[in-house]
Amino acid sequence: MMSRQKMSQLLSRLPALGEHALQGSLVEVLLTGGTPTCGCHQDPNRRHGPHLYRRYRDEQGRSRSMYVPRRHEGEARQAVEAWGQMWEAMLELSPNNREALRERLRRRSRRGGR
């Protein structure tokens, strides 16, 4: 089991991370524009970009993307990184919580199911 100090340390990080964490990943894409006579339609090397998008899943599990202007790239990268750090902390906490639940259930079954 994890030490109380380690658990407290992980738990204390979660609120700050959760304030601005965003699920998903950042991807750079090259795009073909809407003007048929633009060179990007004939030559893939002339596509527009790279443009930055955040890819994520919505509440229904559908894949979505959100354009991120370059001036907001740093903020978006920090938010996605915060999500990753939060996820890692939760993965570290989970085995400890699972064992604590197992122990509570074991104790309850010895006392007659309460």
C-alpha atoms as a PDB file:
ATOM      1  CA  MET A   1       0.000   0.000   0.000  1.00  0.00           C
ATOM      2  CA  MET A   2       1.032   3.561  -0.660  1.00  0.00           C
ATOM      3  CA  SER A   3       2.254   5.680   2.230  1.00  0.00           C
ATOM      4  CA  ARG A   4      -0.113   8.321   3.605  1.00  0.00           C
ATOM      5  CA  GLN A   5       2.437  10.983   2.722  1.00  0.00           C
ATOM      6  CA  LYS A   6       2.613   9.883  -0.929  1.00  0.00           C
ATOM      7  CA  MET A   7      -1.185   9.656  -1.122  1.00  0.00           C
ATOM      8  CA  SER A   8      -1.588  13.145   0.378  1.00  0.00           C
ATOM      9  CA  GLN A   9       0.989  14.505  -2.046  1.00  0.00           C
ATOM     10  CA  LEU A  10      -0.858  13.055  -5.066  1.00  0.00           C
ATOM     11  CA  LEU A  11      -4.270  14.197  -3.813  1.00  0.00           C
ATOM     12  CA  SER A  12      -3.024  17.724  -3.145  1.00  0.00           C
ATOM     13  CA  ARG A  13      -1.945  18.080  -6.811  1.00  0.00           C
ATOM     14  CA  LEU A  14      -5.322  17.127  -8.285  1.00  0.00           C
ATOM     15  CA  PRO A  15      -7.325  20.334  -7.642  1.00  0.00           C
ATOM     16  CA  ALA A  16      -4.753  22.590  -9.338  1.00  0.00           C
ATOM     17  CA  LEU A  17      -4.411  20.227 -12.291  1.00  0.00           C
ATOM     18  CA  GLY A  18      -8.183  19.878 -12.594  1.00  0.00           C
ATOM     19  CA  GLU A  19      -8.636  23.653 -12.840  1.00  0.00           C
ATOM     20  CA  HIS A  20      -7.346  23.728 -16.415  1.00  0.00           C
ATOM     21  CA  ALA A  21      -6.895  20.098 -17.553  1.00  0.00           C
ATOM     22  CA  LEU A  22      -8.259  19.193 -20.976  1.00  0.00           C
ATOM     23  CA  GLN A  23      -8.696  15.641 -22.219  1.00  0.00           C
ATOM     24  CA  GLY A  24      -7.362  14.904 -25.665  1.00  0.00           C
ATOM     25  CA  SER A  25      -4.246  15.438 -27.697  1.00  0.00           C
ATOM     26  CA  LEU A  26      -2.822  18.160 -29.888  1.00  0.00           C
ATOM     27  CA  VAL A  27      -2.190  17.450 -33.554  1.00  0.00           C
ATOM     28  CA  GLU A  28      -0.782  19.529 -36.380  1.00  0.00           C
ATOM     29  CA  VAL A  29      -2.437  19.075 -39.763  1.00  0.00           C
ATOM     30  CA  LEU A  30      -1.912  20.318 -43.292  1.00  0.00           C
ATOM     31  CA  LEU A  31      -5.154  21.202 -45.059  1.00  0.00           C
ATOM     32  CA  THR A  32      -6.479  21.484 -48.573  1.00  0.00           C
ATOM     33  CA  GLY A  33      -8.386  24.736 -48.984  1.00  0.00           C
ATOM     34  CA  GLY A  34     -11.766  25.387 -50.540  1.00  0.00           C
ATOM     35  CA  THR A  35     -10.593  27.167 -53.675  1.00  0.00           C
ATOM     36  CA  PRO A  36     -10.308  24.545 -56.455  1.00  0.00           C
ATOM     37  CA  THR A  37      -7.686  26.550 -58.362  1.00  0.00           C
ATOM     38  CA  CYS A  38      -5.346  26.833 -55.359  1.00  0.00           C
ATOM     39  CA  GLY A  39      -2.060  24.955 -55.715  1.00  0.00           C
ATOM     40  CA  CYS A  40      -2.867  22.898 -52.608  1.00  0.00           C
ATOM     41  CA  HIS A  41      -5.318  20.833 -54.697  1.00  0.00           C
ATOM     42  CA  GLN A  42      -2.648  19.695 -57.164  1.00  0.00           C
ATOM     43  CA  ASP A  43       0.457  19.574 -54.968  1.00  0.00           C
ATOM     44  CA  PRO A  44       0.322  18.075 -51.446  1.00  0.00           C
ATOM     45  CA  ASN A  45       3.470  20.031 -50.570  1.00  0.00           C
ATOM     46  CA  ARG A  46       1.487  23.247 -51.000  1.00  0.00           C
ATOM     47  CA  ARG A  47      -1.243  22.402 -48.501  1.00  0.00           C
ATOM     48  CA  HIS A  48      -2.034  25.053 -45.895  1.00  0.00           C
ATOM     49  CA  GLY A  49      -0.654  24.862 -42.384  1.00  0.00           C
ATOM     50  CA  PRO A  50       0.377  23.272 -40.240  1.00  0.00           C
ATOM     51  CA  HIS A  51      -2.696  24.122 -38.190  1.00  0.00           C
ATOM     52  CA  LEU A  52      -3.058  23.038 -34.579  1.00  0.00           C
ATOM     53  CA  TYR A  53      -6.126  21.111 -33.387  1.00  0.00           C
ATOM     54  CA  ARG A  54      -7.112  19.491 -30.108  1.00  0.00           C
ATOM     55  CA  ARG A  55      -8.622  16.050 -30.715  1.00  0.00           C
ATOM     56  CA  TYR A  56     -10.899  14.605 -28.052  1.00  0.00           C
ATOM     57  CA  ARG A  57     -14.012  12.499 -27.476  1.00  0.00           C
ATOM     58  CA  ASP A  58     -17.316  14.150 -26.578  1.00  0.00           C
ATOM     59  CA  GLU A  59     -19.854  12.916 -24.025  1.00  0.00           C
ATOM     60  CA  GLN A  60     -21.294  10.454 -26.562  1.00  0.00           C
ATOM     61  CA  GLY A  61     -17.839   9.050 -27.374  1.00  0.00           C
ATOM     62  CA  ARG A  62     -17.618  10.698 -30.791  1.00  0.00           C
ATOM     63  CA  SER A  63     -14.268  11.968 -32.011  1.00  0.00           C
ATOM     64  CA  ARG A  64     -14.150  15.763 -32.157  1.00  0.00           C
ATOM     65  CA  SER A  65     -11.576  18.400 -32.946  1.00  0.00           C
ATOM     66  CA  MET A  66     -11.187  22.025 -31.965  1.00  0.00           C
ATOM     67  CA  TYR A  67      -9.002  24.533 -33.781  1.00  0.00           C
ATOM     68  CA  VAL A  68      -6.341  26.090 -31.537  1.00  0.00           C
ATOM     69  CA  PRO A  69      -4.921  29.424 -32.743  1.00  0.00           C
ATOM     70  CA  ARG A  70      -1.121  29.513 -32.500  1.00  0.00           C
ATOM     71  CA  ARG A  71      -1.268  32.344 -29.979  1.00  0.00           C
ATOM     72  CA  HIS A  72      -3.022  29.913 -27.600  1.00  0.00           C
ATOM     73  CA  GLU A  73      -0.741  26.946 -28.275  1.00  0.00           C
ATOM     74  CA  GLY A  74       1.137  27.225 -24.969  1.00  0.00           C
ATOM     75  CA  GLU A  75      -2.058  27.328 -22.946  1.00  0.00           C
ATOM     76  CA  ALA A  76      -3.503  24.352 -24.853  1.00  0.00           C
ATOM     77  CA  ARG A  77      -0.307  22.324 -24.414  1.00  0.00           C
ATOM     78  CA  GLN A  78      -0.270  23.032 -20.673  1.00  0.00           C
ATOM     79  CA  ALA A  79      -3.922  21.989 -20.368  1.00  0.00           C
ATOM     80  CA  VAL A  80      -3.376  18.697 -22.204  1.00  0.00           C
ATOM     81  CA  GLU A  81      -0.233  18.071 -20.128  1.00  0.00           C
ATOM     82  CA  ALA A  82      -2.223  18.754 -16.935  1.00  0.00           C
ATOM     83  CA  TRP A  83      -4.728  16.097 -18.035  1.00  0.00           C
ATOM     84  CA  GLY A  84      -1.878  13.631 -18.498  1.00  0.00           C
ATOM     85  CA  GLN A  85      -0.448  14.422 -15.059  1.00  0.00           C
ATOM     86  CA  MET A  86      -3.897  14.069 -13.502  1.00  0.00           C
ATOM     87  CA  TRP A  87      -4.383  10.726 -15.238  1.00  0.00           C
ATOM     88  CA  GLU A  88      -0.988   9.492 -14.017  1.00  0.00           C
ATOM     89  CA  ALA A  89      -1.807  10.529 -10.449  1.00  0.00           C
ATOM     90  CA  MET A  90      -5.145   8.710 -10.631  1.00  0.00           C
ATOM     91  CA  LEU A  91      -3.412   5.583 -11.929  1.00  0.00           C
ATOM     92  CA  GLU A  92      -1.064   5.716  -8.947  1.00  0.00           C
ATOM     93  CA  LEU A  93      -3.943   6.202  -6.493  1.00  0.00           C
ATOM     94  CA  SER A  94      -6.188   3.514  -7.954  1.00  0.00           C
ATOM     95  CA  PRO A  95      -4.414   0.378  -6.648  1.00  0.00           C
ATOM     96  CA  ASN A  96      -4.381   1.843  -3.155  1.00  0.00           C
ATOM     97  CA  ASN A  97      -8.092   2.697  -3.357  1.00  0.00           C
ATOM     98  CA  ARG A  98      -8.867  -0.764  -4.733  1.00  0.00           C
ATOM     99  CA  GLU A  99      -7.087  -2.410  -1.798  1.00  0.00           C
ATOM    100  CA  ALA A 100      -8.851  -0.119   0.694  1.00  0.00           C
ATOM    101  CA  LEU A 101     -12.225  -1.037  -0.818  1.00  0.00           C
ATOM    102  CA  ARG A 102     -11.347  -4.733  -0.764  1.00  0.00           C
ATOM    103  CA  GLU A 103     -10.459  -4.453   2.933  1.00  0.00           C
ATOM    104  CA  ARG A 104     -13.702  -2.590   3.764  1.00  0.00           C
ATOM    105  CA  LEU A 105     -15.753  -5.229   1.949  1.00  0.00           C
ATOM    106  CA  ARG A 106     -13.880  -7.999   3.737  1.00  0.00           C
ATOM    107  CA  ARG A 107     -14.583  -6.389   7.119  1.00  0.00           C
ATOM    108  CA  ARG A 108     -18.255  -5.906   6.276  1.00  0.00           C
ATOM    109  CA  SER A 109     -18.702  -9.515   5.220  1.00  0.00           C
ATOM    110  CA  ARG A 110     -17.226 -10.640   8.572  1.00  0.00           C
ATOM    111  CA  ARG A 111     -19.740  -8.442  10.425  1.00  0.00           C
ATOM    112  CA  GLY A 112     -22.722  -9.830   8.594  1.00  0.00           C
ATOM    113  CA  GLY A 113     -22.964  -7.682   5.456  1.00  0.00           C
ATOM    114  CA  ARG A 114     -23.360  -4.189   6.893  1.00  0.00           C
END
